[in-house]
PDB file of N, CA and C in Angstrom:
ATOM      1  N   ALA A   1     176.627  73.265  96.320  1.00  0.00           N
ATOM      2  CA  ALA A   1     176.199  72.563  97.723  1.00  0.00           C
ATOM      3  C   ALA A   1     177.394  73.033  98.270  1.00  0.00           C
ATOM      4  N   TRP A   2     177.558  72.638  99.577  1.00  0.00           N
ATOM      5  CA  TRP A   2     178.519  72.881 100.425  1.00  0.00           C
ATOM      6  C   TRP A   2     179.181  71.348 101.410  1.00  0.00           C
ATOM      7  N   THR A   3     180.223  72.058 102.165  1.00  0.00           N
ATOM      8  CA  THR A   3     181.124  70.848 102.753  1.00  0.00           C
ATOM      9  C   THR A   3     181.182  71.633 104.086  1.00  0.00           C
ATOM     10  N   TYR A   4     180.854  70.645 105.166  1.00  0.00           N
ATOM     11  CA  TYR A   4     181.583  71.144 106.703  1.00  0.00           C
ATOM     12  C   TYR A   4     181.911  69.540 107.501  1.00  0.00           C
ATOM     13  N   GLY A   5     182.587  70.064 108.479  1.00  0.00           N
ATOM     14  CA  GLY A   5     182.998  68.983 109.452  1.00  0.00           C
ATOM     15  C   GLY A   5     182.849  69.550 110.797  1.00  0.00           C
ATOM     16  N   ALA A   6     182.240  69.172 111.738  1.00  0.00           N
ATOM     17  CA  ALA A   6     182.348  69.302 113.150  1.00  0.00           C
ATOM     18  C   ALA A   6     182.086  68.341 113.843  1.00  0.00           C
ATOM     19  N   ALA A   7     183.030  68.722 115.143  1.00  0.00           N
ATOM     20  CA  ALA A   7     182.766  67.169 116.409  1.00  0.00           C
ATOM     21  C   ALA A   7     182.925  68.023 117.610  1.00  0.00           C
ATOM     22  N   LEU A   8     181.881  67.473 118.364  1.00  0.00           N
ATOM     23  CA  LEU A   8     181.500  68.375 120.008  1.00  0.00           C
ATOM     24  C   LEU A   8     181.783  67.272 121.077  1.00  0.00           C
ATOM     25  N   THR A   9     183.085  67.584 121.914  1.00  0.00           N
ATOM     26  CA  THR A   9     183.044  66.730 123.035  1.00  0.00           C
ATOM     27  C   THR A   9     182.508  67.000 124.096  1.00  0.00           C
ATOM     28  N   TRP A  10     181.582  66.202 124.766  1.00  0.00           N
ATOM     29  CA  TRP A  10     181.319  66.689 126.211  1.00  0.00           C
ATOM     30  C   TRP A  10     181.782  65.968 127.420  1.00  0.00           C
ATOM     31  N   PHE A  11     182.224  66.121 128.513  1.00  0.00           N
ATOM     32  CA  PHE A  11     183.050  65.528 129.210  1.00  0.00           C
ATOM     33  C   PHE A  11     182.173  65.378 130.468  1.00  0.00           C
ATOM     34  N   ALA A  12     181.403  64.350 130.419  1.00  0.00           N
ATOM     35  CA  ALA A  12     180.275  63.990 131.384  1.00  0.00           C
ATOM     36  C   ALA A  12     180.534  63.962 132.722  1.00  0.00           C
ATOM     37  N   SER A  13     181.909  63.226 133.287  1.00  0.00           N
ATOM     38  CA  SER A  13     182.985  63.251 134.171  1.00  0.00           C
ATOM     39  C   SER A  13     184.492  63.136 133.717  1.00  0.00           C
ATOM     40  N   PRO A  14     185.058  63.041 134.971  1.00  0.00           N
ATOM     41  CA  PRO A  14     186.259  62.992 134.366  1.00  0.00           C
ATOM     42  C   PRO A  14     187.019  61.392 133.970  1.00  0.00           C
ATOM     43  N   LEU A  15     185.600  60.850 134.047  1.00  0.00           N
ATOM     44  CA  LEU A  15     186.001  59.342 133.384  1.00  0.00           C
ATOM     45  C   LEU A  15     185.251  58.952 131.858  1.00  0.00           C
ATOM     46  N   LEU A  16     184.494  59.722 131.800  1.00  0.00           N
ATOM     47  CA  LEU A  16     183.506  59.642 130.702  1.00  0.00           C
ATOM     48  C   LEU A  16     183.131  60.700 129.866  1.00  0.00           C
ATOM     49  N   SER A  17     183.426  60.546 128.197  1.00  0.00           N
ATOM     50  CA  SER A  17     183.540  61.514 127.492  1.00  0.00           C
ATOM     51  C   SER A  17     182.249  60.785 126.645  1.00  0.00           C
ATOM     52  N   LEU A  18     181.305  61.795 125.703  1.00  0.00           N
ATOM     53  CA  LEU A  18     180.523  61.463 124.539  1.00  0.00           C
ATOM     54  C   LEU A  18     181.102  62.597 123.645  1.00  0.00           C
ATOM     55  N   THR A  19     181.345  62.091 122.075  1.00  0.00           N
ATOM     56  CA  THR A  19     181.688  62.736 121.224  1.00  0.00           C
ATOM     57  C   THR A  19     180.693  62.637 119.717  1.00  0.00           C
ATOM     58  N   LEU A  20     180.272  63.464 119.326  1.00  0.00           N
ATOM     59  CA  LEU A  20     179.447  63.829 118.023  1.00  0.00           C
ATOM     60  C   LEU A  20     180.096  64.362 117.218  1.00  0.00           C
ATOM     61  N   ASP A  21     180.170  63.524 116.127  1.00  0.00           N
ATOM     62  CA  ASP A  21     180.473  64.047 114.839  1.00  0.00           C
ATOM     63  C   ASP A  21     179.806  64.246 113.784  1.00  0.00           C
ATOM     64  N   ALA A  22     179.921  65.270 112.747  1.00  0.00           N
ATOM     65  CA  ALA A  22     178.997  65.255 111.512  1.00  0.00           C
ATOM     66  C   ALA A  22     179.971  65.671 110.597  1.00  0.00           C
ATOM     67  N   SER A  23     179.574  65.239 109.473  1.00  0.00           N
ATOM     68  CA  SER A  23     180.242  66.051 108.150  1.00  0.00           C
ATOM     69  C   SER A  23     179.610  65.565 107.310  1.00  0.00           C
ATOM     70  N   ARG A  24     179.978  66.965 105.932  1.00  0.00           N
ATOM     71  CA  ARG A  24     179.395  66.631 104.413  1.00  0.00           C
ATOM     72  C   ARG A  24     180.531  66.708 103.606  1.00  0.00           C
ATOM     73  N   ASP A  25     181.060  65.843 102.791  1.00  0.00           N
ATOM     74  CA  ASP A  25     181.654  66.432 101.460  1.00  0.00           C
ATOM     75  C   ASP A  25     181.546  65.758 100.663  1.00  0.00           C
ATOM     76  N   PHE A  26     182.263  65.802  99.659  1.00  0.00           N
ATOM     77  CA  PHE A  26     182.251  65.636  98.267  1.00  0.00           C
ATOM     78  C   PHE A  26     183.486  64.206  97.930  1.00  0.00           C
ATOM     79  N   ARG A  27     183.125  63.339  97.150  1.00  0.00           N
ATOM     80  CA  ARG A  27     184.122  62.417  96.675  1.00  0.00           C
ATOM     81  C   ARG A  27     183.948  62.260  95.371  1.00  0.00           C
ATOM     82  N   ALA A  28     184.699  61.627  94.538  1.00  0.00           N
ATOM     83  CA  ALA A  28     184.510  60.737  93.378  1.00  0.00           C
ATOM     84  C   ALA A  28     184.696  59.470  92.931  1.00  0.00           C
ATOM     85  N   GLU A  29     184.072  58.920  92.542  1.00  0.00           N
ATOM     86  CA  GLU A  29     183.529  57.343  92.739  1.00  0.00           C
ATOM     87  C   GLU A  29     183.687  56.869  91.135  1.00  0.00           C
ATOM     88  N   GLN A  30     184.596  56.182  90.924  1.00  0.00           N
ATOM     89  CA  GLN A  30     185.027  55.476  89.741  1.00  0.00           C
ATOM     90  C   GLN A  30     184.643  54.303  89.222  1.00  0.00           C
ATOM     91  N   THR A  31     184.039  54.282  88.003  1.00  0.00           N
ATOM     92  CA  THR A  31     183.459  52.795  87.828  1.00  0.00           C
ATOM     93  C   THR A  31     183.904  52.439  86.745  1.00  0.00           C
ATOM     94  N   ILE A  32     184.207  51.155  86.562  1.00  0.00           N
ATOM     95  CA  ILE A  32     184.552  50.335  85.288  1.00  0.00           C
ATOM     96  C   ILE A  32     183.504  49.655  84.701  1.00  0.00           C
ATOM     97  N   ASP A  33     183.424  49.490  83.282  1.00  0.00           N
ATOM     98  CA  ASP A  33     182.443  49.102  82.998  1.00  0.00           C
ATOM     99  C   ASP A  33     182.850  47.633  82.047  1.00  0.00           C
ATOM    100  N   GLY A  34     182.240  47.063  81.779  1.00  0.00           N
ATOM    101  CA  GLY A  34     182.737  45.446  81.028  1.00  0.00           C
ATOM    102  C   GLY A  34     183.438  45.768  79.727  1.00  0.00           C
ATOM    103  N   THR A  35     183.580  46.891  79.312  1.00  0.00           N
ATOM    104  CA  THR A  35     184.856  47.213  78.000  1.00  0.00           C
ATOM    105  C   THR A  35     185.833  47.382  78.576  1.00  0.00           C
ATOM    106  N   GLY A  36     185.884  48.044  79.886  1.00  0.00           N
ATOM    107  CA  GLY A  36     187.206  48.371  80.265  1.00  0.00           C
ATOM    108  C   GLY A  36     187.186  50.165  80.603  1.00  0.00           C
ATOM    109  N   ALA A  37     186.247  50.431  79.903  1.00  0.00           N
ATOM    110  CA  ALA A  37     186.159  52.119  80.031  1.00  0.00           C
ATOM    111  C   ALA A  37     185.670  52.473  81.085  1.00  0.00           C
ATOM    112  N   SER A  38     186.545  53.628  81.930  1.00  0.00           N
ATOM    113  CA  SER A  38     186.141  54.166  83.333  1.00  0.00           C
ATOM    114  C   SER A  38     185.458  55.745  83.143  1.00  0.00           C
ATOM    115  N   SER A  39     184.835  55.717  84.343  1.00  0.00           N
ATOM    116  CA  SER A  39     183.863  57.165  84.313  1.00  0.00           C
ATOM    117  C   SER A  39     183.800  57.139  85.706  1.00  0.00           C
ATOM    118  N   THR A  40     183.661  58.979  85.961  1.00  0.00           N
ATOM    119  CA  THR A  40     184.118  59.066  87.295  1.00  0.00           C
ATOM    120  C   THR A  40     182.541  59.873  87.601  1.00  0.00           C
ATOM    121  N   THR A  41     182.189  59.616  88.775  1.00  0.00           N
ATOM    122  CA  THR A  41     180.798  59.977  89.303  1.00  0.00           C
ATOM    123  C   THR A  41     181.125  61.172  90.416  1.00  0.00           C
ATOM    124  N   PRO A  42     180.499  62.446  90.678  1.00  0.00           N
ATOM    125  CA  PRO A  42     180.669  62.835  92.074  1.00  0.00           C
ATOM    126  C   PRO A  42     179.632  62.093  92.889  1.00  0.00           C
ATOM    127  N   VAL A  43     180.108  62.456  94.543  1.00  0.00           N
ATOM    128  CA  VAL A  43     179.252  61.538  95.542  1.00  0.00           C
ATOM    129  C   VAL A  43     179.358  62.770  96.544  1.00  0.00           C
ATOM    130  N   LEU A  44     178.373  62.828  97.002  1.00  0.00           N
ATOM    131  CA  LEU A  44     178.147  63.589  98.086  1.00  0.00           C
ATOM    132  C   LEU A  44     177.703  62.568  99.322  1.00  0.00           C
ATOM    133  N   ARG A  45     178.717  63.044 100.173  1.00  0.00           N
ATOM    134  CA  ARG A  45     178.535  61.919 101.722  1.00  0.00           C
ATOM    135  C   ARG A  45     178.191  62.685 102.843  1.00  0.00           C
ATOM    136  N   ASP A  46     177.116  62.220 103.101  1.00  0.00           N
ATOM    137  CA  ASP A  46     176.702  62.826 104.430  1.00  0.00           C
ATOM    138  C   ASP A  46     176.773  61.916 105.620  1.00  0.00           C
ATOM    139  N   ALA A  47     177.659  62.056 106.831  1.00  0.00           N
ATOM    140  CA  ALA A  47     177.473  61.418 107.699  1.00  0.00           C
ATOM    141  C   ALA A  47     177.632  62.093 109.200  1.00  0.00           C
ATOM    142  N   VAL A  48     177.285  61.066 110.492  1.00  0.00           N
ATOM    143  CA  VAL A  48     176.785  61.506 111.669  1.00  0.00           C
ATOM    144  C   VAL A  48     177.363  60.100 112.876  1.00  0.00           C
ATOM    145  N   SER A  49     177.814  60.600 113.603  1.00  0.00           N
ATOM    146  CA  SER A  49     178.138  59.480 114.487  1.00  0.00           C
ATOM    147  C   SER A  49     178.397  59.754 115.874  1.00  0.00           C
ATOM    148  N   LEU A  50     177.947  59.119 117.129  1.00  0.00           N
ATOM    149  CA  LEU A  50     177.919  59.333 118.228  1.00  0.00           C
ATOM    150  C   LEU A  50     178.854  58.265 118.880  1.00  0.00           C
ATOM    151  N   ARG A  51     179.721  58.956 120.013  1.00  0.00           N
ATOM    152  CA  ARG A  51     180.829  57.847 120.396  1.00  0.00           C
ATOM    153  C   ARG A  51     180.929  58.158 122.186  1.00  0.00           C
ATOM    154  N   GLY A  52     180.857  57.093 123.065  1.00  0.00           N
ATOM    155  CA  GLY A  52     181.123  57.069 124.525  1.00  0.00           C
ATOM    156  C   GLY A  52     182.168  56.530 124.709  1.00  0.00           C
ATOM    157  N   GLU A  53     183.209  57.179 125.438  1.00  0.00           N
ATOM    158  CA  GLU A  53     184.302  56.386 126.116  1.00  0.00           C
ATOM    159  C   GLU A  53     184.378  56.422 127.523  1.00  0.00           C
ATOM    160  N   LEU A  54     184.799  55.530 127.968  1.00  0.00           N
ATOM    161  CA  LEU A  54     184.522  55.442 129.611  1.00  0.00           C
ATOM    162  C   LEU A  54     186.250  54.883 130.208  1.00  0.00           C
ATOM    163  N   GLU A  55     186.750  55.755 130.879  1.00  0.00           N
ATOM    164  CA  GLU A  55     188.116  55.137 131.509  1.00  0.00           C
ATOM    165  C   GLU A  55     187.818  54.112 132.613  1.00  0.00           C
ATOM    166  N   VAL A  56     187.835  52.758 132.584  1.00  0.00           N
ATOM    167  CA  VAL A  56     187.478  51.681 133.478  1.00  0.00           C
ATOM    168  C   VAL A  56     188.319  51.787 134.671  1.00  0.00           C
ATOM    169  N   LEU A  57     189.647  51.633 134.305  1.00  0.00           N
ATOM    170  CA  LEU A  57     190.763  51.401 135.351  1.00  0.00           C
ATOM    171  C   LEU A  57     191.854  52.514 134.628  1.00  0.00           C
ATOM    172  N   ARG A  58     192.607  52.729 135.215  1.00  0.00           N
ATOM    173  CA  ARG A  58     193.604  53.771 134.865  1.00  0.00           C
ATOM    174  C   ARG A  58     194.469  53.254 133.363  1.00  0.00           C
ATOM    175  N   PRO A  59     194.866  52.053 133.047  1.00  0.00           N
ATOM    176  CA  PRO A  59     195.155  51.598 131.907  1.00  0.00           C
ATOM    177  C   PRO A  59     194.004  51.214 130.711  1.00  0.00           C
ATOM    178  N   LEU A  60     192.656  50.992 131.139  1.00  0.00           N
ATOM    179  CA  LEU A  60     191.801  50.503 130.511  1.00  0.00           C
ATOM    180  C   LEU A  60     191.052  51.664 129.975  1.00  0.00           C
ATOM    181  N   LEU A  61     190.687  51.631 128.617  1.00  0.00           N
ATOM    182  CA  LEU A  61     189.345  52.406 128.005  1.00  0.00           C
ATOM    183  C   LEU A  61     188.453  51.669 126.793  1.00  0.00           C
ATOM    184  N   VAL A  62     187.414  51.888 127.447  1.00  0.00           N
ATOM    185  CA  VAL A  62     186.115  51.048 126.643  1.00  0.00           C
ATOM    186  C   VAL A  62     185.258  52.231 125.841  1.00  0.00           C
ATOM    187  N   PHE A  63     184.864  51.813 124.624  1.00  0.00           N
ATOM    188  CA  PHE A  63     184.104  52.576 123.897  1.00  0.00           C
ATOM    189  C   PHE A  63     182.682  52.171 123.068  1.00  0.00           C
ATOM    190  N   ALA A  64     181.787  52.647 122.985  1.00  0.00           N
ATOM    191  CA  ALA A  64     181.057  52.488 121.951  1.00  0.00           C
ATOM    192  C   ALA A  64     180.458  53.695 121.241  1.00  0.00           C
ATOM    193  N   GLU A  65     180.449  53.234 119.791  1.00  0.00           N
ATOM    194  CA  GLU A  65     180.044  54.223 118.616  1.00  0.00           C
ATOM    195  C   GLU A  65     179.066  53.318 117.876  1.00  0.00           C
ATOM    196  N   ALA A  66     177.967  54.594 117.628  1.00  0.00           N
ATOM    197  CA  ALA A  66     177.045  54.376 116.368  1.00  0.00           C
ATOM    198  C   ALA A  66     177.349  55.224 115.288  1.00  0.00           C
ATOM    199  N   GLY A  67     177.276  55.043 114.357  1.00  0.00           N
ATOM    200  CA  GLY A  67     177.313  55.830 112.880  1.00  0.00           C
ATOM    201  C   GLY A  67     176.349  55.711 112.031  1.00  0.00           C
ATOM    202  N   TYR A  68     176.052  56.487 111.429  1.00  0.00           N
ATOM    203  CA  TYR A  68     175.033  56.624 109.682  1.00  0.00           C
ATOM    204  C   TYR A  68     176.111  57.309 108.820  1.00  0.00           C
ATOM    205  N   SER A  69     176.051  57.015 107.589  1.00  0.00           N
ATOM    206  CA  SER A  69     176.370  57.730 106.517  1.00  0.00           C
ATOM    207  C   SER A  69     175.824  57.315 105.358  1.00  0.00           C
ATOM    208  N   GLN A  70     175.519  58.486 104.280  1.00  0.00           N
ATOM    209  CA  GLN A  70     174.941  58.117 103.500  1.00  0.00           C
ATOM    210  C   GLN A  70     175.303  58.865 102.056  1.00  0.00           C
ATOM    211  N   ASN A  71     175.759  58.424 100.968  1.00  0.00           N
ATOM    212  CA  ASN A  71     176.628  58.535  99.712  1.00  0.00           C
ATOM    213  C   ASN A  71     175.539  58.347  98.519  1.00  0.00           C
ATOM    214  N   GLU A  72     175.616  59.541  98.162  1.00  0.00           N
ATOM    215  CA  GLU A  72     174.327  60.077  96.995  1.00  0.00           C
ATOM    216  C   GLU A  72     175.351  60.439  95.934  1.00  0.00           C
ATOM    217  N   SER A  73     175.492  59.557  94.650  1.00  0.00           N
ATOM    218  CA  SER A  73     175.687  60.129  93.643  1.00  0.00           C
ATOM    219  C   SER A  73     175.231  61.537  92.701  1.00  0.00           C
ATOM    220  N   ASP A  74     175.881  61.780  92.045  1.00  0.00           N
ATOM    221  CA  ASP A  74     175.677  63.317  91.755  1.00  0.00           C
ATOM    222  C   ASP A  74     174.073  62.808  90.112  1.00  0.00           C
ATOM    223  N   ASP A  75     174.525  62.221  89.833  1.00  0.00           N
ATOM    224  CA  ASP A  75     173.190  61.888  89.106  1.00  0.00           C
ATOM    225  C   ASP A  75     172.055  61.000  89.357  1.00  0.00           C
ATOM    226  N   GLY A  76     172.351  60.655  90.277  1.00  0.00           N
ATOM    227  CA  GLY A  76     170.992  60.397  91.422  1.00  0.00           C
ATOM    228  C   GLY A  76     170.808  58.595  90.792  1.00  0.00           C
ATOM    229  N   THR A  77     171.745  58.266  90.094  1.00  0.00           N
ATOM    230  CA  THR A  77     171.754  56.539  89.827  1.00  0.00           C
ATOM    231  C   THR A  77     172.276  55.625  90.936  1.00  0.00           C
ATOM    232  N   GLN A  78     172.835  56.277  92.086  1.00  0.00           N
ATOM    233  CA  GLN A  78     173.757  55.322  93.386  1.00  0.00           C
ATOM    234  C   GLN A  78     173.027  56.067  94.374  1.00  0.00           C
ATOM    235  N   ASN A  79     172.720  55.381  95.412  1.00  0.00           N
ATOM    236  CA  ASN A  79     172.171  55.934  96.843  1.00  0.00           C
ATOM    237  C   ASN A  79     172.648  54.310  97.746  1.00  0.00           C
ATOM    238  N   ASN A  80     173.970  54.956  98.748  1.00  0.00           N
ATOM    239  CA  ASN A  80     174.238  53.837  99.660  1.00  0.00           C
ATOM    240  C   ASN A  80     173.860  54.364 101.064  1.00  0.00           C
ATOM    241  N   ASN A  81     173.617  53.403 102.100  1.00  0.00           N
ATOM    242  CA  ASN A  81     172.980  54.067 103.359  1.00  0.00           C
ATOM    243  C   ASN A  81     174.320  52.895 104.289  1.00  0.00           C
ATOM    244  N   LEU A  82     174.664  53.566 104.919  1.00  0.00           N
ATOM    245  CA  LEU A  82     176.029  52.827 106.002  1.00  0.00           C
ATOM    246  C   LEU A  82     175.443  52.703 107.766  1.00  0.00           C
ATOM    247  N   THR A  83     175.061  51.760 108.202  1.00  0.00           N
ATOM    248  CA  THR A  83     174.799  51.833 109.709  1.00  0.00           C
ATOM    249  C   THR A  83     175.915  51.125 110.180  1.00  0.00           C
ATOM    250  N   ARG A  84     176.565  51.665 111.400  1.00  0.00           N
ATOM    251  CA  ARG A  84     177.459  50.874 112.046  1.00  0.00           C
ATOM    252  C   ARG A  84     177.609  51.450 113.152  1.00  0.00           C
ATOM    253  N   PHE A  85     177.974  50.182 114.116  1.00  0.00           N
ATOM    254  CA  PHE A  85     177.606  50.151 115.530  1.00  0.00           C
ATOM    255  C   PHE A  85     178.840  49.116 115.773  1.00  0.00           C
ATOM    256  N   SER A  86     179.818  49.721 116.751  1.00  0.00           N
ATOM    257  CA  SER A  86     181.266  49.039 117.355  1.00  0.00           C
ATOM    258  C   SER A  86     181.229  49.296 118.781  1.00  0.00           C
ATOM    259  N   LEU A  87     181.952  47.959 119.449  1.00  0.00           N
ATOM    260  CA  LEU A  87     182.298  48.149 120.952  1.00  0.00           C
ATOM    261  C   LEU A  87     184.169  47.762 120.799  1.00  0.00           C
ATOM    262  N   GLY A  88     184.523  48.309 121.852  1.00  0.00           N
ATOM    263  CA  GLY A  88     185.920  48.099 121.604  1.00  0.00           C
ATOM    264  C   GLY A  88     186.616  48.611 123.026  1.00  0.00           C
ATOM    265  N   SER A  89     188.055  48.392 123.263  1.00  0.00           N
ATOM    266  CA  SER A  89     188.544  48.607 124.405  1.00  0.00           C
ATOM    267  C   SER A  89     190.472  49.017 123.889  1.00  0.00           C
ATOM    268  N   ALA A  90     191.130  49.697 124.643  1.00  0.00           N
ATOM    269  CA  ALA A  90     192.266  49.940 124.602  1.00  0.00           C
ATOM    270  C   ALA A  90     192.685  49.958 126.022  1.00  0.00           C
ATOM    271  N   TYR A  91     193.966  49.198 126.087  1.00  0.00           N
ATOM    272  CA  TYR A  91     194.415  48.566 127.141  1.00  0.00           C
ATOM    273  C   TYR A  91     195.782  49.062 126.986  1.00  0.00           C
ATOM    274  N   MET A  92     196.372  49.904 127.851  1.00  0.00           N
ATOM    275  CA  MET A  92     197.796  50.370 127.905  1.00  0.00           C
ATOM    276  C   MET A  92     198.824  49.299 128.768  1.00  0.00           C
ATOM    277  N   LEU A  93     199.574  48.652 128.144  1.00  0.00           N
ATOM    278  CA  LEU A  93     200.486  47.485 128.272  1.00  0.00           C
ATOM    279  C   LEU A  93     201.645  48.372 129.524  1.00  0.00           C
ATOM    280  N   ASN A  94     202.216  49.536 128.909  1.00  0.00           N
ATOM    281  CA  ASN A  94     202.998  50.283 129.545  1.00  0.00           C
ATOM    282  C   ASN A  94     203.068  51.621 128.671  1.00  0.00           C
ATOM    283  N   ARG A  95     203.700  52.567 129.047  1.00  0.00           N
ATOM    284  CA  ARG A  95     203.851  54.068 128.306  1.00  0.00           C
ATOM    285  C   ARG A  95     204.018  54.124 126.961  1.00  0.00           C
ATOM    286  N   TYR A  96     204.558  52.886 126.459  1.00  0.00           N
ATOM    287  CA  TYR A  96     204.610  53.316 125.040  1.00  0.00           C
ATOM    288  C   TYR A  96     203.860  52.201 123.969  1.00  0.00           C
ATOM    289  N   LEU A  97     203.381  51.125 124.999  1.00  0.00           N
ATOM    290  CA  LEU A  97     202.421  50.055 123.993  1.00  0.00           C
ATOM    291  C   LEU A  97     200.856  50.142 124.388  1.00  0.00           C
ATOM    292  N   ARG A  98     200.059  50.027 123.152  1.00  0.00           N
ATOM    293  CA  ARG A  98     198.593  50.209 123.882  1.00  0.00           C
ATOM    294  C   ARG A  98     198.172  48.704 123.247  1.00  0.00           C
ATOM    295  N   LEU A  99     197.170  47.874 123.658  1.00  0.00           N
ATOM    296  CA  LEU A  99     196.713  46.923 122.794  1.00  0.00           C
ATOM    297  C   LEU A  99     195.179  47.084 123.091  1.00  0.00           C
ATOM    298  N   ASN A 100     194.753  47.121 121.590  1.00  0.00           N
ATOM    299  CA  ASN A 100     193.606  47.431 120.958  1.00  0.00           C
ATOM    300  C   ASN A 100     192.618  46.106 120.288  1.00  0.00           C
ATOM    301  N   ALA A 101     191.046  46.273 120.649  1.00  0.00           N
ATOM    302  CA  ALA A 101     190.356  45.077 120.577  1.00  0.00           C
ATOM    303  C   ALA A 101     188.775  46.123 120.063  1.00  0.00           C
ATOM    304  N   GLU A 102     188.164  45.341 119.398  1.00  0.00           N
ATOM    305  CA  GLU A 102     187.132  46.165 118.674  1.00  0.00           C
ATOM    306  C   GLU A 102     186.221  45.470 117.791  1.00  0.00           C
ATOM    307  N   TYR A 103     184.903  45.006 118.166  1.00  0.00           N
ATOM    308  CA  TYR A 103     184.079  44.533 117.546  1.00  0.00           C
ATOM    309  C   TYR A 103     183.336  45.301 116.689  1.00  0.00           C
ATOM    310  N   ALA A 104     182.840  45.214 115.332  1.00  0.00           N
ATOM    311  CA  ALA A 104     182.207  46.026 114.508  1.00  0.00           C
ATOM    312  C   ALA A 104     181.108  45.575 113.631  1.00  0.00           C
ATOM    313  N   TYR A 105     179.894  46.027 113.911  1.00  0.00           N
ATOM    314  CA  TYR A 105     178.585  45.529 112.705  1.00  0.00           C
ATOM    315  C   TYR A 105     178.401  46.426 112.160  1.00  0.00           C
ATOM    316  N   SER A 106     178.175  46.330 110.744  1.00  0.00           N
ATOM    317  CA  SER A 106     177.617  47.694 109.966  1.00  0.00           C
ATOM    318  C   SER A 106     176.920  46.674 108.833  1.00  0.00           C
ATOM    319  N   LEU A 107     175.819  47.390 108.396  1.00  0.00           N
ATOM    320  CA  LEU A 107     174.651  46.969 107.726  1.00  0.00           C
ATOM    321  C   LEU A 107     175.029  48.407 106.372  1.00  0.00           C
ATOM    322  N   ALA A 108     175.124  47.671 105.213  1.00  0.00           N
ATOM    323  CA  ALA A 108     174.940  48.862 103.870  1.00  0.00           C
ATOM    324  C   ALA A 108     174.004  48.507 103.348  1.00  0.00           C
ATOM    325  N   GLU A 109     173.297  49.479 102.711  1.00  0.00           N
ATOM    326  CA  GLU A 109     172.024  49.311 102.085  1.00  0.00           C
ATOM    327  C   GLU A 109     172.210  50.042 100.744  1.00  0.00           C
ATOM    328  N   THR A 110     171.898  49.251  99.626  1.00  0.00           N
ATOM    329  CA  THR A 110     172.251  50.021  98.128  1.00  0.00           C
ATOM    330  C   THR A 110     171.197  49.701  97.542  1.00  0.00           C
ATOM    331  N   ASN A 111     171.383  50.738  96.325  1.00  0.00           N
ATOM    332  CA  ASN A 111     169.873  50.740  95.652  1.00  0.00           C
ATOM    333  C   ASN A 111     170.593  49.619  94.230  1.00  0.00           C
ATOM    334  N   ASN A 112     171.734  49.323  94.003  1.00  0.00           N
ATOM    335  CA  ASN A 112     172.439  48.729  93.014  1.00  0.00           C
ATOM    336  C   ASN A 112     172.285  47.063  93.120  1.00  0.00           C
ATOM    337  N   SER A 113     173.373  46.610  94.340  1.00  0.00           N
ATOM    338  CA  SER A 113     173.664  45.385  94.633  1.00  0.00           C
ATOM    339  C   SER A 113     173.325  44.673  95.577  1.00  0.00           C
ATOM    340  N   GLY A 114     172.263  45.619  96.277  1.00  0.00           N
ATOM    341  CA  GLY A 114     171.945  44.811  97.366  1.00  0.00           C
ATOM    342  C   GLY A 114     172.135  45.045  98.773  1.00  0.00           C
ATOM    343  N   ASP A 115     171.853  44.255  99.891  1.00  0.00           N
ATOM    344  CA  ASP A 115     172.187  45.108 100.969  1.00  0.00           C
ATOM    345  C   ASP A 115     173.464  43.972 101.673  1.00  0.00           C
ATOM    346  N   ILE A 116     174.545  44.458 102.060  1.00  0.00           N
ATOM    347  CA  ILE A 116     175.873  43.900 102.878  1.00  0.00           C
ATOM    348  C   ILE A 116     175.805  44.098 104.427  1.00  0.00           C
ATOM    349  N   VAL A 117     175.833  42.693 105.135  1.00  0.00           N
ATOM    350  CA  VAL A 117     176.074  42.956 106.426  1.00  0.00           C
ATOM    351  C   VAL A 117     177.204  42.612 106.596  1.00  0.00           C
ATOM    352  N   ARG A 118     178.493  43.212 107.608  1.00  0.00           N
ATOM    353  CA  ARG A 118     179.137  42.854 107.956  1.00  0.00           C
ATOM    354  C   ARG A 118     179.512  42.961 109.728  1.00  0.00           C
ATOM    355  N   ASN A 119     180.430  41.765 110.105  1.00  0.00           N
ATOM    356  CA  ASN A 119     180.460  41.411 111.506  1.00  0.00           C
ATOM    357  C   ASN A 119     182.534  41.210 111.152  1.00  0.00           C
ATOM    358  N   ALA A 120     183.051  42.309 111.983  1.00  0.00           N
ATOM    359  CA  ALA A 120     184.226  42.433 111.598  1.00  0.00           C
ATOM    360  C   ALA A 120     184.642  42.603 113.418  1.00  0.00           C
ATOM    361  N   VAL A 121     186.307  41.764 113.383  1.00  0.00           N
ATOM    362  CA  VAL A 121     186.815  42.111 114.919  1.00  0.00           C
ATOM    363  C   VAL A 121     188.186  41.891 114.352  1.00  0.00           C
ATOM    364  N   PHE A 122     188.496  43.075 115.012  1.00  0.00           N
ATOM    365  CA  PHE A 122     189.744  43.918 115.101  1.00  0.00           C
ATOM    366  C   PHE A 122     190.784  43.911 116.256  1.00  0.00           C
ATOM    367  N   LEU A 123     191.816  43.259 116.360  1.00  0.00           N
ATOM    368  CA  LEU A 123     193.173  43.302 117.073  1.00  0.00           C
ATOM    369  C   LEU A 123     194.073  43.855 116.679  1.00  0.00           C
ATOM    370  N   GLY A 124     194.912  44.703 117.784  1.00  0.00           N
ATOM    371  CA  GLY A 124     196.002  45.614 117.442  1.00  0.00           C
ATOM    372  C   GLY A 124     196.958  45.789 118.242  1.00  0.00           C
ATOM    373  N   LEU A 125     198.100  45.925 118.097  1.00  0.00           N
ATOM    374  CA  LEU A 125     199.070  46.432 118.953  1.00  0.00           C
ATOM    375  C   LEU A 125     199.564  47.734 118.499  1.00  0.00           C
ATOM    376  N   ALA A 126     199.589  48.908 119.410  1.00  0.00           N
ATOM    377  CA  ALA A 126     200.017  50.086 119.098  1.00  0.00           C
ATOM    378  C   ALA A 126     201.345  50.588 119.707  1.00  0.00           C
ATOM    379  N   ALA A 127     202.234  51.093 118.940  1.00  0.00           N
ATOM    380  CA  ALA A 127     203.548  51.587 119.454  1.00  0.00           C
ATOM    381  C   ALA A 127     203.698  53.134 119.627  1.00  0.00           C
ATOM    382  N   SER A 128     203.824  53.897 120.322  1.00  0.00           N
ATOM    383  CA  SER A 128     203.797  55.132 120.422  1.00  0.00           C
ATOM    384  C   SER A 128     205.642  55.703 121.155  1.00  0.00           C
ATOM    385  N   TYR A 129     205.869  56.631 120.685  1.00  0.00           N
ATOM    386  CA  TYR A 129     207.024  56.960 121.200  1.00  0.00           C
ATOM    387  C   TYR A 129     207.346  58.559 121.452  1.00  0.00           C
TER     388      TYR A 129
END
């Protein structure tokens, strides 16, 4: 099998951009059984996402993103699907400080332990120099 990664960005206007990301890579997943013995299984991960960013005001950027990824173990015993949607913003307080806010909804479907729904809110302050 092969791996790839690509990102395509379209600047629809000076204030709006759309980015399409796609990738395929291999990872290792380690599991530990009840006796404490560990085993590692190769996992193939395919992912695609689409992100839109809009500069509403000079210091305010808002975005929306939708993504899907699938993790499949090499031996076929585990198959995980993750669907994710997010909305957020970044506000430049000054030249060096940025305030970030994001809401993310994700749905993980797996054939081993059932489905997991997650709603998350992220707030952050980023400094750059």
